[in-house]
C-alpha atoms as a PDB file:
ATOM      1  CA  UNK A   1       0.000   0.000   0.000  1.00  0.00           C
ATOM      2  CA  UNK A   2       3.003   2.320   0.347  1.00  0.00           C
ATOM      3  CA  UNK A   3       3.765   2.364  -3.432  1.00  0.00           C
ATOM      4  CA  UNK A   4       0.449   3.904  -4.501  1.00  0.00           C
ATOM      5  CA  UNK A   5       0.833   6.566  -1.815  1.00  0.00           C
ATOM      6  CA  UNK A   6       4.267   7.513  -3.118  1.00  0.00           C
ATOM      7  CA  UNK A   7       2.950   7.694  -6.664  1.00  0.00           C
ATOM      8  CA  UNK A   8       0.086   9.937  -5.510  1.00  0.00           C
ATOM      9  CA  UNK A   9       2.494  12.275  -3.736  1.00  0.00           C
ATOM     10  CA  UNK A  10       4.661  12.645  -6.844  1.00  0.00           C
ATOM     11  CA  UNK A  11       1.567  13.363  -8.984  1.00  0.00           C
ATOM     12  CA  UNK A  12       0.389  16.069  -6.582  1.00  0.00           C
ATOM     13  CA  UNK A  13       3.864  17.683  -6.659  1.00  0.00           C
ATOM     14  CA  UNK A  14       3.932  17.778 -10.471  1.00  0.00           C
ATOM     15  CA  UNK A  15       0.448  19.336 -10.600  1.00  0.00           C
ATOM     16  CA  UNK A  16       1.493  22.139  -8.245  1.00  0.00           C
ATOM     17  CA  UNK A  17       4.500  22.982 -10.417  1.00  0.00           C
ATOM     18  CA  UNK A  18       2.345  23.181 -13.535  1.00  0.00           C
ATOM     19  CA  UNK A  19       0.044  25.751 -11.928  1.00  0.00           C
ATOM     20  CA  UNK A  20       2.685  28.507 -11.970  1.00  0.00           C
ATOM     21  CA  UNK A  21       2.414  31.053 -14.882  1.00  0.00           C
ATOM     22  CA  UNK A  22       5.189  31.246 -17.502  1.00  0.00           C
ATOM     23  CA  UNK A  23       7.489  34.268 -17.478  1.00  0.00           C
ATOM     24  CA  UNK A  24       6.348  36.994 -19.989  1.00  0.00           C
ATOM     25  CA  UNK A  25       8.385  37.514 -23.144  1.00  0.00           C
ATOM     26  CA  UNK A  26       9.376  41.188 -23.798  1.00  0.00           C
ATOM     27  CA  UNK A  27      10.601  42.318 -27.219  1.00  0.00           C
ATOM     28  CA  UNK A  28      13.530  44.775 -26.993  1.00  0.00           C
ATOM     29  CA  UNK A  29      14.538  47.153 -29.812  1.00  0.00           C
ATOM     30  CA  UNK A  30      17.765  46.269 -31.588  1.00  0.00           C
ATOM     31  CA  UNK A  31      20.873  47.831 -30.161  1.00  0.00           C
ATOM     32  CA  UNK A  32      22.027  50.784 -32.386  1.00  0.00           C
ATOM     33  CA  UNK A  33      25.210  50.186 -34.326  1.00  0.00           C
ATOM     34  CA  UNK A  34      28.320  52.001 -33.224  1.00  0.00           C
ATOM     35  CA  UNK A  35      30.518  51.855 -30.217  1.00  0.00           C
ATOM     36  CA  UNK A  36      29.207  49.459 -27.541  1.00  0.00           C
ATOM     37  CA  UNK A  37      27.416  51.311 -24.799  1.00  0.00           C
ATOM     38  CA  UNK A  38      27.281  54.597 -26.763  1.00  0.00           C
ATOM     39  CA  UNK A  39      24.101  56.667 -26.408  1.00  0.00           C
ATOM     40  CA  UNK A  40      22.064  57.323 -29.602  1.00  0.00           C
ATOM     41  CA  UNK A  41      22.982  60.588 -31.347  1.00  0.00           C
ATOM     42  CA  UNK A  42      20.663  63.494 -30.632  1.00  0.00           C
ATOM     43  CA  UNK A  43      18.972  65.118 -33.639  1.00  0.00           C
ATOM     44  CA  UNK A  44      20.722  68.252 -34.975  1.00  0.00           C
ATOM     45  CA  UNK A  45      19.109  71.448 -33.660  1.00  0.00           C
ATOM     46  CA  UNK A  46      17.245  73.527 -36.180  1.00  0.00           C
ATOM     47  CA  UNK A  47      19.063  76.737 -37.211  1.00  0.00           C
ATOM     48  CA  UNK A  48      17.879  79.644 -35.154  1.00  0.00           C
ATOM     49  CA  UNK A  49      16.647  82.876 -36.684  1.00  0.00           C
ATOM     50  CA  UNK A  50      19.521  84.750 -35.051  1.00  0.00           C
ATOM     51  CA  UNK A  51      22.015  82.758 -37.133  1.00  0.00           C
ATOM     52  CA  UNK A  52      20.523  84.019 -40.389  1.00  0.00           C
ATOM     53  CA  UNK A  53      22.131  87.165 -41.839  1.00  0.00           C
ATOM     54  CA  UNK A  54      20.084  90.260 -41.209  1.00  0.00           C
ATOM     55  CA  UNK A  55      18.587  91.944 -44.265  1.00  0.00           C
ATOM     56  CA  UNK A  56      18.864  95.742 -44.335  1.00  0.00           C
ATOM     57  CA  UNK A  57      15.496  97.400 -44.777  1.00  0.00           C
ATOM     58  CA  UNK A  58      14.033 100.894 -44.779  1.00  0.00           C
ATOM     59  CA  UNK A  59      10.532 101.892 -43.745  1.00  0.00           C
ATOM     60  CA  UNK A  60       9.098 104.638 -45.935  1.00  0.00           C
ATOM     61  CA  UNK A  61       8.224 107.807 -44.030  1.00  0.00           C
ATOM     62  CA  UNK A  62       6.018 110.702 -45.047  1.00  0.00           C
ATOM     63  CA  UNK A  63       7.606 112.931 -47.692  1.00  0.00           C
ATOM     64  CA  UNK A  64      10.205 110.377 -48.816  1.00  0.00           C
ATOM     65  CA  UNK A  65      10.596 109.311 -52.421  1.00  0.00           C
ATOM     66  CA  UNK A  66      12.409 106.425 -54.010  1.00  0.00           C
ATOM     67  CA  UNK A  67      15.103 108.808 -55.231  1.00  0.00           C
ATOM     68  CA  UNK A  68      15.675 110.336 -51.800  1.00  0.00           C
ATOM     69  CA  UNK A  69      15.868 106.894 -50.171  1.00  0.00           C
ATOM     70  CA  UNK A  70      18.329 105.692 -52.804  1.00  0.00           C
ATOM     71  CA  UNK A  71      20.472 108.810 -52.295  1.00  0.00           C
ATOM     72  CA  UNK A  72      20.377 108.264 -48.537  1.00  0.00           C
ATOM     73  CA  UNK A  73      21.953 104.812 -48.906  1.00  0.00           C
ATOM     74  CA  UNK A  74      24.156 105.528 -51.926  1.00  0.00           C
ATOM     75  CA  UNK A  75      22.081 103.369 -54.292  1.00  0.00           C
ATOM     76  CA  UNK A  76      20.697 103.666 -57.790  1.00  0.00           C
ATOM     77  CA  UNK A  77      16.936 104.180 -57.566  1.00  0.00           C
ATOM     78  CA  UNK A  78      16.469 101.848 -60.557  1.00  0.00           C
ATOM     79  CA  UNK A  79      18.136  99.015 -58.652  1.00  0.00           C
ATOM     80  CA  UNK A  80      16.112  99.794 -55.529  1.00  0.00           C
ATOM     81  CA  UNK A  81      12.901  99.614 -57.564  1.00  0.00           C
ATOM     82  CA  UNK A  82      13.928  96.288 -59.135  1.00  0.00           C
ATOM     83  CA  UNK A  83      14.834  94.748 -55.766  1.00  0.00           C
ATOM     84  CA  UNK A  84      11.397  95.611 -54.356  1.00  0.00           C
ATOM     85  CA  UNK A  85       9.295  94.906 -57.459  1.00  0.00           C
ATOM     86  CA  UNK A  86       8.215  98.552 -57.800  1.00  0.00           C
ATOM     87  CA  UNK A  87       6.813  99.295 -61.244  1.00  0.00           C
ATOM     88  CA  UNK A  88       6.165 103.021 -60.690  1.00  0.00           C
ATOM     89  CA  UNK A  89       8.959 104.728 -58.695  1.00  0.00           C
ATOM     90  CA  UNK A  90       6.672 107.694 -58.013  1.00  0.00           C
ATOM     91  CA  UNK A  91       4.212 105.618 -55.988  1.00  0.00           C
ATOM     92  CA  UNK A  92       5.321 104.713 -52.469  1.00  0.00           C
ATOM     93  CA  UNK A  93       3.203 104.118 -49.380  1.00  0.00           C
ATOM     94  CA  UNK A  94       3.980 105.399 -45.901  1.00  0.00           C
ATOM     95  CA  UNK A  95       5.088 102.418 -43.817  1.00  0.00           C
ATOM     96  CA  UNK A  96       6.167 100.386 -46.842  1.00  0.00           C
ATOM     97  CA  UNK A  97       9.284  98.328 -46.062  1.00  0.00           C
ATOM     98  CA  UNK A  98      11.990  98.327 -48.729  1.00  0.00           C
ATOM     99  CA  UNK A  99      14.900  95.921 -48.878  1.00  0.00           C
ATOM    100  CA  UNK A 100      18.233  97.624 -49.537  1.00  0.00           C
ATOM    101  CA  UNK A 101      20.023  94.736 -51.248  1.00  0.00           C
ATOM    102  CA  UNK A 102      19.298  92.422 -54.137  1.00  0.00           C
ATOM    103  CA  UNK A 103      17.187  89.422 -52.987  1.00  0.00           C
ATOM    104  CA  UNK A 104      18.221  86.012 -54.369  1.00  0.00           C
ATOM    105  CA  UNK A 105      16.895  85.448 -57.862  1.00  0.00           C
ATOM    106  CA  UNK A 106      16.062  89.087 -58.603  1.00  0.00           C
ATOM    107  CA  UNK A 107      17.849  90.346 -61.704  1.00  0.00           C
ATOM    108  CA  UNK A 108      19.089  93.941 -61.743  1.00  0.00           C
ATOM    109  CA  UNK A 109      18.492  95.800 -65.009  1.00  0.00           C
ATOM    110  CA  UNK A 110      21.866  95.915 -66.772  1.00  0.00           C
ATOM    111  CA  UNK A 111      23.507  99.152 -67.784  1.00  0.00           C
ATOM    112  CA  UNK A 112      22.968  99.671 -71.512  1.00  0.00           C
ATOM    113  CA  UNK A 113      26.301  99.443 -73.310  1.00  0.00           C
ATOM    114  CA  UNK A 114      27.562 102.315 -75.385  1.00  0.00           C
ATOM    115  CA  UNK A 115      26.565 102.083 -79.031  1.00  0.00           C
ATOM    116  CA  UNK A 116      29.523 101.587 -81.335  1.00  0.00           C
ATOM    117  CA  UNK A 117      29.017 101.745 -85.085  1.00  0.00           C
ATOM    118  CA  UNK A 118      31.432  99.522 -87.004  1.00  0.00           C
ATOM    119  CA  UNK A 119      31.436  99.582 -90.818  1.00  0.00           C
ATOM    120  CA  UNK A 120      30.980  96.271 -92.547  1.00  0.00           C
ATOM    121  CA  UNK A 121      34.133  94.887 -94.113  1.00  0.00           C
ATOM    122  CA  UNK A 122      34.139  94.398 -97.861  1.00  0.00           C
ATOM    123  CA  UNK A 123      33.645  90.846 -99.022  1.00  0.00           C
ATOM    124  CA  UNK A 124      36.900  89.383-100.304  1.00  0.00           C
ATOM    125  CA  UNK A 125      38.758  86.116-100.532  1.00  0.00           C
ATOM    126  CA  UNK A 126      38.856  84.057 -97.325  1.00  0.00           C
ATOM    127  CA  UNK A 127      41.797  84.737 -95.049  1.00  0.00           C
ATOM    128  CA  UNK A 128      43.981  81.727 -94.509  1.00  0.00           C
ATOM    129  CA  UNK A 129      44.449  80.813 -90.837  1.00  0.00           C
ATOM    130  CA  UNK A 130      48.087  80.414 -89.896  1.00  0.00           C
ATOM    131  CA  UNK A 131      49.484  79.124 -86.609  1.00  0.00           C
ATOM    132  CA  UNK A 132      51.264  81.542 -84.329  1.00  0.00           C
ATOM    133  CA  UNK A 133      54.832  80.566 -83.597  1.00  0.00           C
ATOM    134  CA  UNK A 134      57.701  81.811 -81.511  1.00  0.00           C
ATOM    135  CA  UNK A 135      59.593  84.090 -83.894  1.00  0.00           C
ATOM    136  CA  UNK A 136      62.735  83.820 -81.790  1.00  0.00           C
ATOM    137  CA  UNK A 137      63.134  80.118 -82.591  1.00  0.00           C
ATOM    138  CA  UNK A 138      61.910  79.922 -86.214  1.00  0.00           C
ATOM    139  CA  UNK A 139      64.306  80.091 -89.119  1.00  0.00           C
ATOM    140  CA  UNK A 140      63.609  82.748 -91.717  1.00  0.00           C
ATOM    141  CA  UNK A 141      64.166  81.445 -95.213  1.00  0.00           C
ATOM    142  CA  UNK A 142      64.374  83.565 -98.389  1.00  0.00           C
ATOM    143  CA  UNK A 143      61.238  81.897 -99.700  1.00  0.00           C
ATOM    144  CA  UNK A 144      58.313  80.853 -97.582  1.00  0.00           C
ATOM    145  CA  UNK A 145      55.814  78.079 -98.111  1.00  0.00           C
ATOM    146  CA  UNK A 146      52.254  77.588 -96.860  1.00  0.00           C
ATOM    147  CA  UNK A 147      51.318  74.732 -94.579  1.00  0.00           C
ATOM    148  CA  UNK A 148      47.650  73.883 -93.940  1.00  0.00           C
ATOM    149  CA  UNK A 149      46.676  74.533 -90.344  1.00  0.00           C
ATOM    150  CA  UNK A 150      46.415  71.447 -88.152  1.00  0.00           C
ATOM    151  CA  UNK A 151      47.217  70.468 -84.578  1.00  0.00           C
ATOM    152  CA  UNK A 152      50.258  68.533 -85.844  1.00  0.00           C
ATOM    153  CA  UNK A 153      51.573  71.548 -87.769  1.00  0.00           C
ATOM    154  CA  UNK A 154      51.050  73.771 -84.707  1.00  0.00           C
ATOM    155  CA  UNK A 155      52.999  71.282 -82.599  1.00  0.00           C
ATOM    156  CA  UNK A 156      55.858  71.085 -85.125  1.00  0.00           C
ATOM    157  CA  UNK A 157      56.205  74.869 -85.321  1.00  0.00           C
ATOM    158  CA  UNK A 158      56.086  75.241 -81.539  1.00  0.00           C
ATOM    159  CA  UNK A 159      59.039  72.881 -80.907  1.00  0.00           C
ATOM    160  CA  UNK A 160      62.120  75.030 -80.105  1.00  0.00           C
ATOM    161  CA  UNK A 161      65.394  74.457 -81.902  1.00  0.00           C
ATOM    162  CA  UNK A 162      67.976  72.419 -80.017  1.00  0.00           C
ATOM    163  CA  UNK A 163      70.799  74.537 -78.574  1.00  0.00           C
ATOM    164  CA  UNK A 164      74.076  74.543 -80.523  1.00  0.00           C
ATOM    165  CA  UNK A 165      76.852  72.279 -79.258  1.00  0.00           C
ATOM    166  CA  UNK A 166      79.383  73.835 -76.880  1.00  0.00           C
ATOM    167  CA  UNK A 167      82.083  75.809 -78.684  1.00  0.00           C
ATOM    168  CA  UNK A 168      80.123  76.125 -81.939  1.00  0.00           C
ATOM    169  CA  UNK A 169      79.857  79.615 -83.426  1.00  0.00           C
ATOM    170  CA  UNK A 170      77.115  80.603 -85.881  1.00  0.00           C
ATOM    171  CA  UNK A 171      78.203  81.712 -89.327  1.00  0.00           C
ATOM    172  CA  UNK A 172      78.959  85.446 -89.491  1.00  0.00           C
ATOM    173  CA  UNK A 173      78.864  85.877 -85.701  1.00  0.00           C
ATOM    174  CA  UNK A 174      81.801  86.866 -83.520  1.00  0.00           C
ATOM    175  CA  UNK A 175      82.817  84.492 -80.745  1.00  0.00           C
ATOM    176  CA  UNK A 176      81.794  85.435 -77.245  1.00  0.00           C
ATOM    177  CA  UNK A 177      84.464  87.351 -75.328  1.00  0.00           C
ATOM    178  CA  UNK A 178      86.326  85.481 -72.647  1.00  0.00           C
ATOM    179  CA  UNK A 179      86.124  87.097 -69.210  1.00  0.00           C
ATOM    180  CA  UNK A 180      89.463  88.530 -68.087  1.00  0.00           C
ATOM    181  CA  UNK A 181      90.983  88.303 -64.663  1.00  0.00           C
ATOM    182  CA  UNK A 182      89.699  90.333 -61.714  1.00  0.00           C
ATOM    183  CA  UNK A 183      86.441  90.980 -63.516  1.00  0.00           C
ATOM    184  CA  UNK A 184      87.946  93.438 -66.051  1.00  0.00           C
ATOM    185  CA  UNK A 185      86.153  94.068 -69.317  1.00  0.00           C
ATOM    186  CA  UNK A 186      87.559  91.628 -71.894  1.00  0.00           C
ATOM    187  CA  UNK A 187      89.083  92.922 -75.108  1.00  0.00           C
ATOM    188  CA  UNK A 188      87.025  92.343 -78.263  1.00  0.00           C
ATOM    189  CA  UNK A 189      88.111  89.394 -80.368  1.00  0.00           C
ATOM    190  CA  UNK A 190      88.960  90.244 -84.009  1.00  0.00           C
ATOM    191  CA  UNK A 191      86.595  88.838 -86.574  1.00  0.00           C
ATOM    192  CA  UNK A 192      87.400  87.465 -90.023  1.00  0.00           C
ATOM    193  CA  UNK A 193      90.081  89.584 -91.747  1.00  0.00           C
ATOM    194  CA  UNK A 194      91.337  91.059 -88.454  1.00  0.00           C
ATOM    195  CA  UNK A 195      88.576  93.686 -88.244  1.00  0.00           C
ATOM    196  CA  UNK A 196      87.243  94.554 -84.819  1.00  0.00           C
ATOM    197  CA  UNK A 197      83.466  94.509 -84.349  1.00  0.00           C
ATOM    198  CA  UNK A 198      81.748  97.861 -83.991  1.00  0.00           C
ATOM    199  CA  UNK A 199      80.912  98.682 -80.389  1.00  0.00           C
ATOM    200  CA  UNK A 200      77.187  98.269 -79.707  1.00  0.00           C
ATOM    201  CA  UNK A 201      75.085 100.144 -77.176  1.00  0.00           C
ATOM    202  CA  UNK A 202      75.489  98.909 -73.665  1.00  0.00           C
ATOM    203  CA  UNK A 203      72.508  97.613 -71.748  1.00  0.00           C
ATOM    204  CA  UNK A 204      72.932 100.355 -69.156  1.00  0.00           C
ATOM    205  CA  UNK A 205      72.678 103.078 -71.812  1.00  0.00           C
ATOM    206  CA  UNK A 206      69.197 101.952 -72.952  1.00  0.00           C
ATOM    207  CA  UNK A 207      66.571 103.515 -70.665  1.00  0.00           C
ATOM    208  CA  UNK A 208      63.779 101.160 -69.627  1.00  0.00           C
ATOM    209  CA  UNK A 209      60.467 101.846 -71.310  1.00  0.00           C
ATOM    210  CA  UNK A 210      58.004 103.333 -68.839  1.00  0.00           C
ATOM    211  CA  UNK A 211      54.978 101.150 -68.106  1.00  0.00           C
ATOM    212  CA  UNK A 212      51.391 102.356 -68.365  1.00  0.00           C
ATOM    213  CA  UNK A 213      50.422 104.839 -65.704  1.00  0.00           C
ATOM    214  CA  UNK A 214      47.900 103.464 -63.206  1.00  0.00           C
ATOM    215  CA  UNK A 215      44.390 104.586 -63.980  1.00  0.00           C
ATOM    216  CA  UNK A 216      42.813 106.668 -61.261  1.00  0.00           C
ATOM    217  CA  UNK A 217      39.325 106.257 -59.949  1.00  0.00           C
ATOM    218  CA  UNK A 218      39.078 102.476 -60.334  1.00  0.00           C
ATOM    219  CA  UNK A 219      39.571 101.299 -56.753  1.00  0.00           C
ATOM    220  CA  UNK A 220      36.845 101.493 -54.147  1.00  0.00           C
ATOM    221  CA  UNK A 221      38.451 104.376 -52.289  1.00  0.00           C
ATOM    222  CA  UNK A 222      40.451 105.904 -55.145  1.00  0.00           C
ATOM    223  CA  UNK A 223      38.623 108.715 -56.949  1.00  0.00           C
ATOM    224  CA  UNK A 224      40.397 111.517 -58.810  1.00  0.00           C
ATOM    225  CA  UNK A 225      38.358 114.560 -57.701  1.00  0.00           C
ATOM    226  CA  UNK A 226      38.074 118.141 -58.927  1.00  0.00           C
ATOM    227  CA  UNK A 227      35.735 121.027 -58.164  1.00  0.00           C
ATOM    228  CA  UNK A 228      32.611 121.101 -60.374  1.00  0.00           C
ATOM    229  CA  UNK A 229      32.733 124.910 -60.655  1.00  0.00           C
ATOM    230  CA  UNK A 230      35.078 127.713 -59.636  1.00  0.00           C
ATOM    231  CA  UNK A 231      33.417 130.108 -57.232  1.00  0.00           C
ATOM    232  CA  UNK A 232      32.968 131.263 -53.675  1.00  0.00           C
ATOM    233  CA  UNK A 233      31.560 128.816 -51.123  1.00  0.00           C
ATOM    234  CA  UNK A 234      28.663 130.785 -49.653  1.00  0.00           C
ATOM    235  CA  UNK A 235      27.358 128.002 -47.384  1.00  0.00           C
ATOM    236  CA  UNK A 236      29.775 125.482 -45.816  1.00  0.00           C
ATOM    237  CA  UNK A 237      29.049 121.856 -45.115  1.00  0.00           C
ATOM    238  CA  UNK A 238      26.823 120.937 -42.174  1.00  0.00           C
ATOM    239  CA  UNK A 239      25.010 117.753 -41.208  1.00  0.00           C
ATOM    240  CA  UNK A 240      21.730 119.466 -42.083  1.00  0.00           C
ATOM    241  CA  UNK A 241      22.878 120.962 -45.404  1.00  0.00           C
ATOM    242  CA  UNK A 242      24.641 117.712 -46.481  1.00  0.00           C
ATOM    243  CA  UNK A 243      26.821 119.694 -48.931  1.00  0.00           C
ATOM    244  CA  UNK A 244      28.195 123.112 -49.881  1.00  0.00           C
ATOM    245  CA  UNK A 245      26.639 125.972 -51.859  1.00  0.00           C
ATOM    246  CA  UNK A 246      28.839 127.648 -54.475  1.00  0.00           C
ATOM    247  CA  UNK A 247      27.927 131.036 -55.936  1.00  0.00           C
ATOM    248  CA  UNK A 248      28.139 131.765 -59.645  1.00  0.00           C
ATOM    249  CA  UNK A 249      26.399 133.196 -62.688  1.00  0.00           C
ATOM    250  CA  UNK A 250      23.497 131.654 -64.512  1.00  0.00           C
ATOM    251  CA  UNK A 251      24.698 129.435 -67.332  1.00  0.00           C
ATOM    252  CA  UNK A 252      28.120 128.773 -65.808  1.00  0.00           C
ATOM    253  CA  UNK A 253      29.264 125.278 -66.893  1.00  0.00           C
ATOM    254  CA  UNK A 254      28.968 122.583 -64.232  1.00  0.00           C
ATOM    255  CA  UNK A 255      31.386 119.696 -64.823  1.00  0.00           C
ATOM    256  CA  UNK A 256      31.631 116.188 -63.387  1.00  0.00           C
ATOM    257  CA  UNK A 257      33.838 116.199 -60.304  1.00  0.00           C
ATOM    258  CA  UNK A 258      35.090 112.710 -61.246  1.00  0.00           C
ATOM    259  CA  UNK A 259      34.463 110.061 -63.849  1.00  0.00           C
ATOM    260  CA  UNK A 260      31.442 107.823 -63.368  1.00  0.00           C
ATOM    261  CA  UNK A 261      27.921 106.946 -64.484  1.00  0.00           C
ATOM    262  CA  UNK A 262      24.845 109.202 -64.250  1.00  0.00           C
ATOM    263  CA  UNK A 263      22.226 107.453 -62.123  1.00  0.00           C
ATOM    264  CA  UNK A 264      19.776 110.359 -61.894  1.00  0.00           C
ATOM    265  CA  UNK A 265      19.068 113.404 -64.077  1.00  0.00           C
ATOM    266  CA  UNK A 266      15.702 114.978 -63.327  1.00  0.00           C
ATOM    267  CA  UNK A 267      13.821 117.368 -61.036  1.00  0.00           C
ATOM    268  CA  UNK A 268      11.871 114.900 -58.916  1.00  0.00           C
ATOM    269  CA  UNK A 269      13.614 115.483 -55.576  1.00  0.00           C
ATOM    270  CA  UNK A 270      12.094 118.315 -53.584  1.00  0.00           C
ATOM    271  CA  UNK A 271      14.542 121.042 -52.556  1.00  0.00           C
ATOM    272  CA  UNK A 272      17.161 120.139 -55.177  1.00  0.00           C
ATOM    273  CA  UNK A 273      15.634 121.499 -58.366  1.00  0.00           C
ATOM    274  CA  UNK A 274      17.133 120.075 -61.539  1.00  0.00           C
ATOM    275  CA  UNK A 275      19.494 117.493 -60.112  1.00  0.00           C
ATOM    276  CA  UNK A 276      22.293 115.279 -61.460  1.00  0.00           C
ATOM    277  CA  UNK A 277      23.662 112.351 -59.434  1.00  0.00           C
ATOM    278  CA  UNK A 278      26.802 110.497 -60.545  1.00  0.00           C
ATOM    279  CA  UNK A 279      27.962 107.164 -59.161  1.00  0.00           C
ATOM    280  CA  UNK A 280      31.752 106.951 -59.298  1.00  0.00           C
ATOM    281  CA  UNK A 281      32.101 103.425 -57.877  1.00  0.00           C
ATOM    282  CA  UNK A 282      30.551 101.249 -55.168  1.00  0.00           C
ATOM    283  CA  UNK A 283      31.629 103.756 -52.517  1.00  0.00           C
ATOM    284  CA  UNK A 284      31.237 107.309 -53.835  1.00  0.00           C
ATOM    285  CA  UNK A 285      28.397 109.452 -55.229  1.00  0.00           C
ATOM    286  CA  UNK A 286      28.282 113.129 -56.109  1.00  0.00           C
ATOM    287  CA  UNK A 287      25.189 115.333 -56.525  1.00  0.00           C
ATOM    288  CA  UNK A 288      24.755 118.638 -58.412  1.00  0.00           C
ATOM    289  CA  UNK A 289      21.568 120.594 -57.621  1.00  0.00           C
ATOM    290  CA  UNK A 290      19.660 123.785 -58.668  1.00  0.00           C
ATOM    291  CA  UNK A 291      20.836 123.579 -62.283  1.00  0.00           C
ATOM    292  CA  UNK A 292      19.227 125.699 -64.972  1.00  0.00           C
ATOM    293  CA  UNK A 293      19.781 123.001 -67.632  1.00  0.00           C
ATOM    294  CA  UNK A 294      20.817 119.344 -67.465  1.00  0.00           C
ATOM    295  CA  UNK A 295      22.981 118.138 -70.358  1.00  0.00           C
ATOM    296  CA  UNK A 296      23.344 114.409 -69.582  1.00  0.00           C
ATOM    297  CA  UNK A 297      20.997 111.433 -69.415  1.00  0.00           C
ATOM    298  CA  UNK A 298      20.632 108.615 -66.938  1.00  0.00           C
ATOM    299  CA  UNK A 299      22.973 105.629 -67.398  1.00  0.00           C
ATOM    300  CA  UNK A 300      25.369 107.825 -69.403  1.00  0.00           C
ATOM    301  CA  UNK A 301      29.091 107.430 -68.723  1.00  0.00           C
ATOM    302  CA  UNK A 302      30.848 110.756 -68.082  1.00  0.00           C
ATOM    303  CA  UNK A 303      34.481 111.749 -67.695  1.00  0.00           C
ATOM    304  CA  UNK A 304      36.074 113.946 -65.069  1.00  0.00           C
ATOM    305  CA  UNK A 305      35.723 117.594 -66.179  1.00  0.00           C
ATOM    306  CA  UNK A 306      32.946 116.847 -68.701  1.00  0.00           C
ATOM    307  CA  UNK A 307      30.165 119.457 -68.814  1.00  0.00           C
ATOM    308  CA  UNK A 308      27.006 117.945 -67.346  1.00  0.00           C
ATOM    309  CA  UNK A 309      24.811 120.979 -66.576  1.00  0.00           C
ATOM    310  CA  UNK A 310      24.543 124.765 -66.430  1.00  0.00           C
ATOM    311  CA  UNK A 311      24.277 126.642 -63.156  1.00  0.00           C
ATOM    312  CA  UNK A 312      20.856 128.021 -62.266  1.00  0.00           C
ATOM    313  CA  UNK A 313      18.395 128.641 -59.440  1.00  0.00           C
ATOM    314  CA  UNK A 314      15.720 125.928 -59.783  1.00  0.00           C
ATOM    315  CA  UNK A 315      14.126 125.344 -56.369  1.00  0.00           C
ATOM    316  CA  UNK A 316      16.476 127.963 -54.837  1.00  0.00           C
ATOM    317  CA  UNK A 317      16.308 131.679 -54.027  1.00  0.00           C
ATOM    318  CA  UNK A 318      19.481 132.583 -55.941  1.00  0.00           C
ATOM    319  CA  UNK A 319      21.832 131.270 -58.636  1.00  0.00           C
ATOM    320  CA  UNK A 320      24.163 128.709 -57.076  1.00  0.00           C
ATOM    321  CA  UNK A 321      25.319 125.137 -57.209  1.00  0.00           C
ATOM    322  CA  UNK A 322      24.531 122.873 -54.270  1.00  0.00           C
ATOM    323  CA  UNK A 323      27.210 120.169 -54.376  1.00  0.00           C
ATOM    324  CA  UNK A 324      27.315 116.987 -52.316  1.00  0.00           C
ATOM    325  CA  UNK A 325      29.747 114.067 -51.986  1.00  0.00           C
ATOM    326  CA  UNK A 326      28.467 110.918 -50.336  1.00  0.00           C
ATOM    327  CA  UNK A 327      30.376 107.879 -49.115  1.00  0.00           C
ATOM    328  CA  UNK A 328      28.108 104.820 -48.891  1.00  0.00           C
ATOM    329  CA  UNK A 329      25.222 107.292 -48.902  1.00  0.00           C
ATOM    330  CA  UNK A 330      26.521 109.315 -45.940  1.00  0.00           C
ATOM    331  CA  UNK A 331      27.302 112.982 -46.742  1.00  0.00           C
ATOM    332  CA  UNK A 332      30.905 114.098 -46.252  1.00  0.00           C
ATOM    333  CA  UNK A 333      32.463 117.572 -46.430  1.00  0.00           C
ATOM    334  CA  UNK A 334      33.605 118.193 -50.038  1.00  0.00           C
ATOM    335  CA  UNK A 335      36.242 120.684 -48.847  1.00  0.00           C
ATOM    336  CA  UNK A 336      37.973 117.805 -47.023  1.00  0.00           C
ATOM    337  CA  UNK A 337      37.878 115.564 -50.082  1.00  0.00           C
ATOM    338  CA  UNK A 338      38.546 117.869 -53.039  1.00  0.00           C
ATOM    339  CA  UNK A 339      41.865 119.587 -53.791  1.00  0.00           C
ATOM    340  CA  UNK A 340      42.188 123.318 -53.055  1.00  0.00           C
ATOM    341  CA  UNK A 341      40.076 125.422 -55.408  1.00  0.00           C
END
């Protein structure tokens, strides 16, 4: 009777073990590749607005025009209109915000090139193309011959002659003088027949040819200035006046103070009368106001000393020239820039 009891006890023990629940299975994400134990890389932070370059703008105030704003910043009003999509430069709204630089993708109207009239050449036989060669290494024969142009012919003509062997002397040429002791000038060697060669000019006696003089007014800060008129300065420069007033007679020629391009020639700026503005480079502008007559057009290239207007009294109480020089749009005293009158 003991065997069945033992079997029953073992059965009860097995049943109790089967009653326990199985351990749950948890799926874990795969370990990221890289160094073992390294934390996952954090996403790159988005660029902040402060990192973006600031765009210069101007808010239109009452009484301002596109020309006055352009003059204030040393710009061409045509470019300012193109950058802001303005079709009519005379129509601005108070509070309108203008960008002062070219936005990406906005094309600036190009400066019209000067018109050059070239007469048509008369029709004749075709001109044969000949390769250019180094004249110092080509032999000159009494009679020439024509070779059709090809890459092979160009290569053959461009190959320099091999140097003569040491000690060889060309026909008709005198041998090179042998240096004497202590650096003294060697005596000339007699040529054929015992005749001495004629003395040639020494290298020191030939003056070097002067190079081209540097052109003025091409660098950003280099402008070759002159006074636009000769006369008495009746009103000096102040921050309010922005320029000087020069007295004179009606009809006196007004000339360009430096070479440049006319960017404005009209009477649309209040207080200036008939006005001419010249851009000399990316840095400098000059303005000529109260003219009686304007003799240049916008986008016209002018030279230093070229007559651009005649002195008058438009929008002024007397005949005078109001003259301004601006650096990056900021007025500067012309008497500190120009040579003595």
